[in-house]
Amino acid sequence: MGKMVLDTVSTGSDGNEAVALYEKHRPDLITLDVSMPNKRGTDAVKEIIAKYPDAKIIMISAIRGNDLTECLSYGAKGYMEKPLRLDDPQYIADFVQTLREVIPEIAVTP
């Protein structure tokens, strides 16, 4: 599997910070959990997409079902399941595929 190069612009600890940091940095990609303090991921997705409809959001969460479906219906572009299994080649391949679908211009080097 190739090496992926992404820069971390910022990290937040809750949904309010996620929205504020997105507004400040306008990153190419934002990852959110469904379950976060102060503002749930569902609300953060809804708020970000309302202001920035082209925002590229991937949910990374152990929560499935209605909450995840809601995030996707609000405009999240993809979903990866937690826990992250970074030692599993198939999981990594799925993650890379999700990133390529959300950000087609992403560079993955052999």
C-alpha atoms as a PDB file:
ATOM      1  CA  MET A   1       0.000   0.000   0.000  1.00  0.00           C
ATOM      2  CA  GLY A   2       1.284   3.482  -0.844  1.00  0.00           C
ATOM      3  CA  LYS A   3       2.016   6.328   1.470  1.00  0.00           C
ATOM      4  CA  MET A   4      -0.633   8.993   1.883  1.00  0.00           C
ATOM      5  CA  VAL A   5       0.377  12.562   2.634  1.00  0.00           C
ATOM      6  CA  LEU A   6      -2.149  14.701   4.478  1.00  0.00           C
ATOM      7  CA  ASP A   7      -1.355  17.631   6.729  1.00  0.00           C
ATOM      8  CA  THR A   8      -3.238  18.134   9.967  1.00  0.00           C
ATOM      9  CA  VAL A   9      -4.319  21.737  10.164  1.00  0.00           C
ATOM     10  CA  SER A  10      -6.036  21.548  13.523  1.00  0.00           C
ATOM     11  CA  THR A  11      -7.776  19.255  15.972  1.00  0.00           C
ATOM     12  CA  GLY A  12     -10.719  20.003  18.218  1.00  0.00           C
ATOM     13  CA  SER A  13     -12.291  18.280  21.166  1.00  0.00           C
ATOM     14  CA  ASP A  14     -15.996  18.916  20.580  1.00  0.00           C
ATOM     15  CA  GLY A  15     -18.584  19.823  17.973  1.00  0.00           C
ATOM     16  CA  ASN A  16     -18.400  23.562  18.658  1.00  0.00           C
ATOM     17  CA  GLU A  17     -14.649  23.542  18.046  1.00  0.00           C
ATOM     18  CA  ALA A  18     -15.154  21.484  14.888  1.00  0.00           C
ATOM     19  CA  VAL A  19     -17.404  24.157  13.401  1.00  0.00           C
ATOM     20  CA  ALA A  20     -15.163  27.043  14.516  1.00  0.00           C
ATOM     21  CA  LEU A  21     -11.995  25.355  13.257  1.00  0.00           C
ATOM     22  CA  TYR A  22     -13.614  24.548   9.919  1.00  0.00           C
ATOM     23  CA  GLU A  23     -14.629  28.180   9.522  1.00  0.00           C
ATOM     24  CA  LYS A  24     -11.127  29.363  10.423  1.00  0.00           C
ATOM     25  CA  HIS A  25      -9.086  26.949   8.286  1.00  0.00           C
ATOM     26  CA  ARG A  26     -11.454  25.681   5.552  1.00  0.00           C
ATOM     27  CA  PRO A  27      -9.520  22.396   5.213  1.00  0.00           C
ATOM     28  CA  ASP A  28      -9.778  20.064   2.237  1.00  0.00           C
ATOM     29  CA  LEU A  29     -11.140  17.393   4.581  1.00  0.00           C
ATOM     30  CA  ILE A  30     -12.670  17.265   8.045  1.00  0.00           C
ATOM     31  CA  THR A  31     -13.269  14.122  10.065  1.00  0.00           C
ATOM     32  CA  LEU A  32     -15.899  14.050  12.780  1.00  0.00           C
ATOM     33  CA  ASP A  33     -17.251  11.563  15.262  1.00  0.00           C
ATOM     34  CA  VAL A  34     -21.006  11.276  15.726  1.00  0.00           C
ATOM     35  CA  SER A  35     -20.657  11.382  19.493  1.00  0.00           C
ATOM     36  CA  MET A  36     -18.905  14.546  20.702  1.00  0.00           C
ATOM     37  CA  PRO A  37     -19.449  16.804  23.713  1.00  0.00           C
ATOM     38  CA  ASN A  38     -21.283  20.155  23.527  1.00  0.00           C
ATOM     39  CA  LYS A  39     -22.455  19.649  19.931  1.00  0.00           C
ATOM     40  CA  ARG A  40     -23.042  16.252  18.389  1.00  0.00           C
ATOM     41  CA  GLY A  41     -21.475  15.339  15.075  1.00  0.00           C
ATOM     42  CA  THR A  42     -24.902  15.347  13.445  1.00  0.00           C
ATOM     43  CA  ASP A  43     -25.372  18.996  14.420  1.00  0.00           C
ATOM     44  CA  ALA A  44     -21.812  19.954  13.438  1.00  0.00           C
ATOM     45  CA  VAL A  45     -22.249  18.384   9.977  1.00  0.00           C
ATOM     46  CA  LYS A  46     -25.557  20.164   9.499  1.00  0.00           C
ATOM     47  CA  GLU A  47     -24.088  23.526  10.531  1.00  0.00           C
ATOM     48  CA  ILE A  48     -20.916  23.229   8.443  1.00  0.00           C
ATOM     49  CA  ILE A  49     -22.750  22.076   5.305  1.00  0.00           C
ATOM     50  CA  ALA A  50     -25.370  24.834   5.679  1.00  0.00           C
ATOM     51  CA  LYS A  51     -22.601  27.460   5.467  1.00  0.00           C
ATOM     52  CA  TYR A  52     -20.155  25.543   3.258  1.00  0.00           C
ATOM     53  CA  PRO A  53     -22.052  23.112   1.017  1.00  0.00           C
ATOM     54  CA  ASP A  54     -18.843  21.882  -0.638  1.00  0.00           C
ATOM     55  CA  ALA A  55     -17.247  20.868   2.674  1.00  0.00           C
ATOM     56  CA  LYS A  56     -15.793  17.378   2.551  1.00  0.00           C
ATOM     57  CA  ILE A  57     -16.647  15.590   5.771  1.00  0.00           C
ATOM     58  CA  ILE A  58     -15.915  11.977   6.659  1.00  0.00           C
ATOM     59  CA  MET A  59     -17.489  10.525   9.768  1.00  0.00           C
ATOM     60  CA  ILE A  60     -15.179   8.265  11.778  1.00  0.00           C
ATOM     61  CA  SER A  61     -17.298   6.645  14.442  1.00  0.00           C
ATOM     62  CA  ALA A  62     -18.309   3.442  16.174  1.00  0.00           C
ATOM     63  CA  ILE A  63     -21.921   4.643  16.088  1.00  0.00           C
ATOM     64  CA  ARG A  64     -24.080   3.345  13.244  1.00  0.00           C
ATOM     65  CA  GLY A  65     -27.753   3.530  12.418  1.00  0.00           C
ATOM     66  CA  ASN A  66     -29.932   6.630  12.408  1.00  0.00           C
ATOM     67  CA  ASP A  67     -27.244   9.032  13.613  1.00  0.00           C
ATOM     68  CA  LEU A  68     -24.872   8.015  10.842  1.00  0.00           C
ATOM     69  CA  THR A  69     -27.641   8.081   8.237  1.00  0.00           C
ATOM     70  CA  GLU A  70     -28.545  11.573   9.437  1.00  0.00           C
ATOM     71  CA  CYS A  71     -24.939  12.784   9.006  1.00  0.00           C
ATOM     72  CA  LEU A  72     -24.829  11.398   5.481  1.00  0.00           C
ATOM     73  CA  SER A  73     -28.209  12.951   4.644  1.00  0.00           C
ATOM     74  CA  TYR A  74     -26.935  16.357   5.839  1.00  0.00           C
ATOM     75  CA  GLY A  75     -23.953  16.106   3.512  1.00  0.00           C
ATOM     76  CA  ALA A  76     -21.152  14.046   5.066  1.00  0.00           C
ATOM     77  CA  LYS A  77     -19.369  12.399   2.148  1.00  0.00           C
ATOM     78  CA  GLY A  78     -18.281   9.146   3.736  1.00  0.00           C
ATOM     79  CA  TYR A  79     -17.908   6.972   6.804  1.00  0.00           C
ATOM     80  CA  MET A  80     -15.177   4.900   8.387  1.00  0.00           C
ATOM     81  CA  GLU A  81     -15.770   2.541  11.277  1.00  0.00           C
ATOM     82  CA  LYS A  82     -13.983   2.803  14.623  1.00  0.00           C
ATOM     83  CA  PRO A  83     -11.883   1.436  16.075  1.00  0.00           C
ATOM     84  CA  LEU A  84      -9.335   2.310  13.414  1.00  0.00           C
ATOM     85  CA  ARG A  85      -7.618  -0.914  12.394  1.00  0.00           C
ATOM     86  CA  LEU A  86      -4.395   0.466  10.988  1.00  0.00           C
ATOM     87  CA  ASP A  87      -2.745  -2.976  10.987  1.00  0.00           C
ATOM     88  CA  ASP A  88      -5.463  -4.452   8.727  1.00  0.00           C
ATOM     89  CA  PRO A  89      -4.533  -4.128   5.023  1.00  0.00           C
ATOM     90  CA  GLN A  90      -8.169  -4.421   3.867  1.00  0.00           C
ATOM     91  CA  TYR A  91      -9.289  -1.713   6.297  1.00  0.00           C
ATOM     92  CA  ILE A  92      -6.490   0.563   5.027  1.00  0.00           C
ATOM     93  CA  ALA A  93      -7.473  -0.162   1.408  1.00  0.00           C
ATOM     94  CA  ASP A  94     -11.098   0.726   2.214  1.00  0.00           C
ATOM     95  CA  PHE A  95      -9.975   3.917   3.960  1.00  0.00           C
ATOM     96  CA  VAL A  96      -7.846   4.955   0.964  1.00  0.00           C
ATOM     97  CA  GLN A  97     -10.768   4.228  -1.367  1.00  0.00           C
ATOM     98  CA  THR A  98     -13.076   6.375   0.766  1.00  0.00           C
ATOM     99  CA  LEU A  99     -10.546   9.216   0.700  1.00  0.00           C
ATOM    100  CA  ARG A 100     -10.193   8.934  -3.092  1.00  0.00           C
ATOM    101  CA  GLU A 101     -13.972   9.107  -3.482  1.00  0.00           C
ATOM    102  CA  VAL A 102     -14.235  12.160  -1.236  1.00  0.00           C
ATOM    103  CA  ILE A 103     -11.069  13.902  -2.474  1.00  0.00           C
ATOM    104  CA  PRO A 104     -10.324  12.607  -5.993  1.00  0.00           C
ATOM    105  CA  GLU A 105      -7.170  14.713  -6.258  1.00  0.00           C
ATOM    106  CA  ILE A 106      -5.573  13.058  -3.203  1.00  0.00           C
ATOM    107  CA  ALA A 107      -2.033  11.854  -3.777  1.00  0.00           C
ATOM    108  CA  VAL A 108      -1.322   8.252  -2.855  1.00  0.00           C
ATOM    109  CA  THR A 109       2.205   7.272  -3.769  1.00  0.00           C
ATOM    110  CA  PRO A 110       3.343   3.691  -4.346  1.00  0.00           C
END
